[in-house]
Protein backbone atom coordinates (compact mmCIF):
# COMPACT_ATOMS: atom_id res chain seq x y z
CA MET A 1 -9.47 73.38 -34.81
CA LEU A 2 -11.31 74.33 -37.99
CA ASP A 3 -14.75 73.02 -38.94
CA VAL A 4 -16.40 73.87 -42.27
CA VAL A 5 -20.09 74.29 -41.48
CA SER A 6 -21.42 75.28 -44.89
CA ARG A 7 -20.06 75.93 -48.36
CA SER A 8 -21.08 77.60 -51.60
CA GLN A 9 -18.32 77.00 -54.15
CA ARG A 10 -15.19 78.70 -52.71
CA GLY A 11 -17.23 80.66 -50.18
CA ARG A 12 -17.66 78.92 -46.85
CA ILE A 13 -18.81 79.30 -43.26
CA CYS A 14 -16.25 78.00 -40.78
CA GLU A 15 -15.98 77.67 -37.03
CA TYR A 16 -12.43 78.14 -35.77
CA ARG A 17 -11.77 77.13 -32.18
CA LYS A 18 -8.70 77.85 -30.10
CA GLY A 19 -8.86 77.08 -26.41
CA GLU A 20 -12.18 78.43 -25.14
CA GLY A 21 -12.48 80.90 -28.03
CA LEU A 22 -14.67 80.57 -31.13
CA LEU A 23 -14.43 82.58 -34.36
CA ARG A 24 -17.09 82.18 -37.04
CA THR A 25 -16.24 83.08 -40.60
CA PRO A 26 -16.66 84.88 -42.93
CA ALA A 27 -15.56 87.53 -40.45
CA VAL A 28 -14.54 91.18 -40.37
CA LEU A 29 -11.74 92.12 -37.98
CA ARG A 30 -12.50 95.50 -36.46
CA CYS A 31 -9.68 98.05 -36.36
CA ASP A 32 -10.68 99.42 -32.96
CA GLY A 33 -8.45 97.20 -30.84
CA GLU A 34 -11.38 95.73 -28.90
CA GLY A 35 -12.28 92.07 -28.46
CA ASP A 36 -10.35 88.82 -28.74
CA SER A 37 -10.21 89.12 -32.56
CA CYS A 38 -9.36 92.60 -33.85
CA ILE A 39 -6.60 94.92 -35.08
CA SER A 40 -4.82 97.61 -33.09
CA VAL A 41 -2.25 100.18 -34.21
CA GLY A 42 0.77 101.12 -32.11
CA GLU A 43 4.17 102.72 -32.50
CA ASN A 44 5.50 99.69 -34.35
CA GLY A 45 2.55 99.34 -36.72
CA ARG A 46 -0.45 97.06 -36.77
CA VAL A 47 -0.99 94.19 -34.37
CA VAL A 48 -3.55 91.54 -35.32
CA ARG A 49 -5.26 89.60 -32.56
CA ILE A 50 -7.10 86.37 -33.40
CA LEU A 51 -8.73 84.57 -30.48
CA GLY A 52 -6.27 86.21 -28.11
CA THR A 53 -3.10 85.46 -30.10
CA GLU A 54 -1.31 88.64 -31.17
CA ILE A 55 1.16 89.08 -34.01
CA SER A 56 2.80 92.18 -35.49
CA VAL A 57 2.25 92.41 -39.24
CA ASP A 58 4.41 95.43 -40.13
CA PRO A 59 8.08 94.41 -39.90
CA GLU A 60 10.89 96.96 -40.11
CA ILE A 61 11.86 95.82 -43.61
CA LEU A 62 8.83 95.79 -45.88
CA THR A 63 8.29 94.34 -49.34
CA SER A 64 5.55 95.57 -51.65
CA ALA A 65 3.25 93.59 -53.90
CA SER A 66 4.86 95.19 -56.96
CA SER A 67 8.46 94.65 -55.84
CA GLY A 68 8.71 91.15 -57.25
CA VAL A 69 10.46 90.15 -54.02
CA SER A 70 8.71 87.33 -52.21
CA CYS A 71 9.50 85.97 -48.78
CA GLN A 72 8.63 82.99 -46.66
CA PRO A 73 5.88 83.46 -44.06
CA MET A 74 6.60 84.51 -40.49
CA THR A 75 4.69 82.34 -38.02
CA LYS A 76 3.64 82.79 -34.41
CA ASP A 77 1.25 80.61 -32.41
CA GLY A 78 -0.57 79.23 -35.45
CA ILE A 79 -0.74 82.48 -37.46
CA ALA A 80 1.43 82.73 -40.59
CA VAL A 81 2.01 86.25 -41.96
CA LEU A 82 2.51 86.07 -45.72
CA ARG A 83 3.28 89.30 -47.57
CA LEU A 84 2.50 89.84 -51.23
CA PRO A 85 3.74 89.08 -53.82
CA VAL A 86 3.08 85.35 -53.53
CA THR A 87 4.63 82.93 -56.01
CA GLY A 88 2.63 79.90 -54.95
CA GLU A 89 5.78 78.07 -53.84
CA GLU A 90 5.80 79.39 -50.28
CA LEU A 91 5.93 76.77 -47.54
CA ILE A 92 3.26 77.25 -44.89
CA PRO A 93 4.29 75.60 -41.60
CA ASP A 94 2.21 72.58 -40.66
CA ASP A 95 1.16 74.14 -37.35
CA ALA A 96 -0.21 77.29 -39.02
CA GLU A 97 -4.01 77.53 -38.81
CA VAL A 98 -4.42 81.05 -40.22
CA VAL A 99 -2.65 82.62 -43.21
CA LEU A 100 -2.65 86.40 -42.86
CA VAL A 101 -1.82 88.78 -45.73
CA PRO A 102 -1.18 92.30 -44.35
CA ASN A 103 -0.60 94.27 -47.58
CA GLY A 104 -3.74 93.50 -49.58
CA PHE A 105 -4.41 97.20 -50.18
CA GLU A 106 -1.53 97.25 -52.67
CA ILE A 107 -3.47 95.07 -55.12
CA LYS A 108 -6.92 96.57 -54.59
CA THR A 109 -6.91 98.59 -57.83
CA ASN A 110 -4.82 96.16 -59.90
CA PHE A 111 -7.58 93.72 -60.78
CA ARG A 112 -5.61 91.10 -62.68
CA THR A 113 -2.96 90.98 -59.97
CA MET A 114 -5.67 90.81 -57.31
CA VAL A 115 -7.24 87.73 -58.87
CA ASP A 116 -3.87 86.05 -59.44
CA GLN A 117 -2.61 86.70 -55.91
CA ILE A 118 -5.81 85.67 -54.13
CA ILE A 119 -5.83 82.36 -55.99
CA LYS A 120 -2.17 81.74 -55.15
CA VAL A 121 -2.66 82.62 -51.48
CA ARG A 122 -5.69 80.35 -51.17
CA ARG A 123 -3.91 77.46 -52.84
CA ALA A 124 -0.78 77.95 -50.74
CA ALA A 125 -2.90 77.96 -47.58
CA GLY A 126 -4.85 74.87 -48.57
CA TYR A 127 -8.38 73.97 -47.57
CA GLY A 128 -7.69 73.39 -43.87
CA ARG A 129 -6.55 76.93 -43.00
CA LEU A 130 -8.27 80.29 -42.74
CA VAL A 131 -7.15 83.04 -45.11
CA CYS A 132 -7.26 86.67 -43.97
CA ILE A 133 -6.38 89.59 -46.28
CA LEU A 134 -6.18 93.12 -44.87
CA GLY A 135 -6.87 96.46 -46.53
CA ILE A 136 -8.94 95.21 -49.43
CA ALA A 137 -12.56 94.91 -48.30
CA GLU A 138 -15.59 97.19 -48.51
CA PRO A 139 -19.33 96.45 -48.53
CA ALA A 140 -19.50 96.34 -52.34
CA ASN A 141 -16.85 93.63 -52.77
CA LEU A 142 -17.28 91.65 -49.56
CA ALA A 143 -19.42 88.97 -51.24
CA LEU A 144 -16.95 88.66 -54.13
CA LEU A 145 -14.00 88.27 -51.77
CA ALA A 146 -15.81 85.50 -49.88
CA TYR A 147 -16.67 83.87 -53.22
CA MET A 148 -12.98 83.95 -54.17
CA GLY A 149 -12.07 82.03 -51.02
CA ILE A 150 -11.18 84.68 -48.43
CA ASP A 151 -12.38 83.84 -44.92
CA MET A 152 -11.52 87.05 -43.06
CA VAL A 153 -10.98 90.71 -43.89
CA ASP A 154 -10.73 93.94 -41.90
CA ASP A 155 -12.70 97.19 -41.86
CA GLY A 156 -9.64 99.44 -42.19
CA TYR A 157 -10.45 100.59 -45.72
CA ALA A 158 -14.08 101.29 -44.81
CA ARG A 159 -12.98 103.39 -41.82
CA ALA A 160 -10.42 105.36 -43.84
CA ALA A 161 -12.92 106.04 -46.62
CA GLY A 162 -15.51 107.20 -44.08
CA VAL A 163 -13.12 109.64 -42.42
CA ASN A 164 -12.45 111.15 -45.85
CA GLY A 165 -16.15 111.70 -46.56
CA PHE A 166 -17.04 108.58 -48.56
CA SER A 167 -20.09 106.52 -47.70
CA LEU A 168 -19.69 102.85 -48.64
CA ILE A 169 -22.74 100.69 -49.24
CA PRO A 170 -23.17 97.39 -51.12
CA GLU A 171 -24.46 99.35 -54.10
CA GLY A 172 -21.28 101.45 -54.38
CA MET A 173 -19.47 104.52 -53.08
CA LEU A 174 -21.11 107.89 -52.40
CA SER A 175 -19.29 111.15 -51.73
CA GLY A 176 -20.41 113.40 -48.86
CA ASN A 177 -19.24 115.90 -46.28
CA ASP A 178 -19.54 113.90 -43.05
CA ASP A 179 -17.56 111.23 -41.24
CA TYR A 180 -19.09 107.94 -42.41
CA SER A 181 -16.61 105.59 -40.75
CA ALA A 182 -19.09 104.18 -38.21
CA ALA A 183 -21.81 103.83 -40.85
CA ASN A 184 -19.40 102.09 -43.22
CA CYS A 185 -18.44 99.56 -40.55
CA ALA A 186 -22.11 98.90 -39.84
CA GLU A 187 -22.69 98.28 -43.56
CA MET A 188 -19.86 95.75 -43.52
CA GLU A 189 -21.57 93.81 -40.73
CA ARG A 190 -24.96 93.89 -42.46
CA GLU A 191 -23.46 92.66 -45.71
CA LEU A 192 -21.60 89.94 -43.84
CA SER A 193 -24.89 88.64 -42.46
CA LYS A 194 -26.35 88.44 -45.98
CA ILE A 195 -23.27 86.61 -47.24
CA ARG A 196 -23.62 83.96 -44.55
CA THR A 197 -27.28 83.51 -45.46
CA PHE A 198 -26.48 83.04 -49.16
CA ILE A 199 -23.64 80.62 -48.40
CA THR A 200 -25.95 78.53 -46.23
CA ALA A 201 -28.45 78.44 -49.09
CA GLY A 202 -25.73 77.50 -51.60
CA ARG A 203 -26.45 80.65 -53.61
CA LEU A 204 -23.43 82.90 -53.02
CA ARG A 205 -22.84 83.36 -56.75
CA GLU A 206 -26.25 84.99 -57.08
CA LEU A 207 -25.36 87.61 -54.47
CA VAL A 208 -21.99 88.18 -56.16
CA ASP A 209 -23.70 88.80 -59.49
CA GLN A 210 -26.07 91.29 -57.87
CA ARG A 211 -23.24 93.18 -56.18
CA SER A 212 -21.07 93.27 -59.31
CA PHE A 213 -23.30 96.02 -60.73
CA SER A 214 -22.19 98.36 -57.94
CA SER A 215 -19.15 99.52 -59.91
CA ALA A 216 -17.14 98.92 -63.05
CA GLU A 217 -14.30 97.70 -60.84
CA GLU A 218 -16.36 94.84 -59.42
CA VAL A 219 -17.49 93.82 -62.91
CA ALA A 220 -13.86 93.75 -64.04
CA VAL A 221 -12.68 91.64 -61.10
CA LEU A 222 -15.52 89.13 -61.51
CA ARG A 223 -14.90 88.77 -65.25
CA LEU A 224 -11.20 88.23 -64.68
CA PHE A 225 -11.92 85.72 -61.93
CA ASP A 226 -14.27 83.80 -64.22
CA ASP A 227 -11.53 83.77 -66.86
CA ILE A 228 -8.26 83.34 -64.98
CA GLY A 229 -9.79 81.41 -62.10
CA TYR A 230 -12.07 79.08 -64.05
CA GLU A 231 -10.19 75.92 -63.08
CA TYR A 232 -9.81 77.20 -59.51
CA GLN A 233 -13.58 77.66 -59.28
CA GLU A 234 -14.34 74.29 -60.84
CA GLU A 235 -12.40 72.54 -58.08
CA ALA A 236 -15.06 73.62 -55.58
CA CYS A 237 -18.21 73.38 -57.73
CA THR A 238 -20.95 70.87 -57.10
CA ILE A 239 -21.65 68.66 -60.09
CA ALA A 240 -25.42 69.00 -60.06
CA GLY A 241 -28.38 70.14 -58.04
CA GLY A 242 -27.68 73.84 -57.60
CA ARG A 243 -29.54 76.91 -58.83
CA PHE A 244 -28.18 78.96 -61.70
CA SER A 245 -28.91 82.33 -63.24
CA CYS A 246 -28.04 83.90 -66.56
């Protein structure tokens, strides 16, 4: 069962219950294989666990976001795995409560495609399902992804960047000589706490604007989202009463 506790435009705080388990979003799935909601890696690829339900997200035959070949979602116990590219015409089973996109990393540096695909995934999922996109999040864009309508991400990119000597903070990426994977994951959690606070206050856009200065990439994605996704944003805007900045 999904309850929307608070909302700031497309960003929202949800409580997802399954059996005795509770998952509060926005959330970051840890890639350490620990807990009832996490990601583990085995011989057959990644396995995502959400409130105890496990599903493999790396099938033997893969399609890429740039292939132009779309496919219908694979569903198990309420989790629908939907690979990019998405046309917007995919049929999500009625019993699916989570829509999981495993190949988000493929659109991370293609900003126009990123905006287009996130909008299509969110619309295909509808308002009553959680959307999780893997391989795309870091501290600098976490607020923007929540603002675009993504409920869950993973810390896989942050871990990989840290192992390769890159420190990720909300203000951008810094190059170093150490392993920053643990620090990067901690930054993700700290940023997540701020995002929840701003959503509760109805001021998520303000945080997104602040974070957009962290890199030229974030500025580009936000500008494209404001352009391409204007109607999509308007659907979730309050008519009056909110703060604004310019």
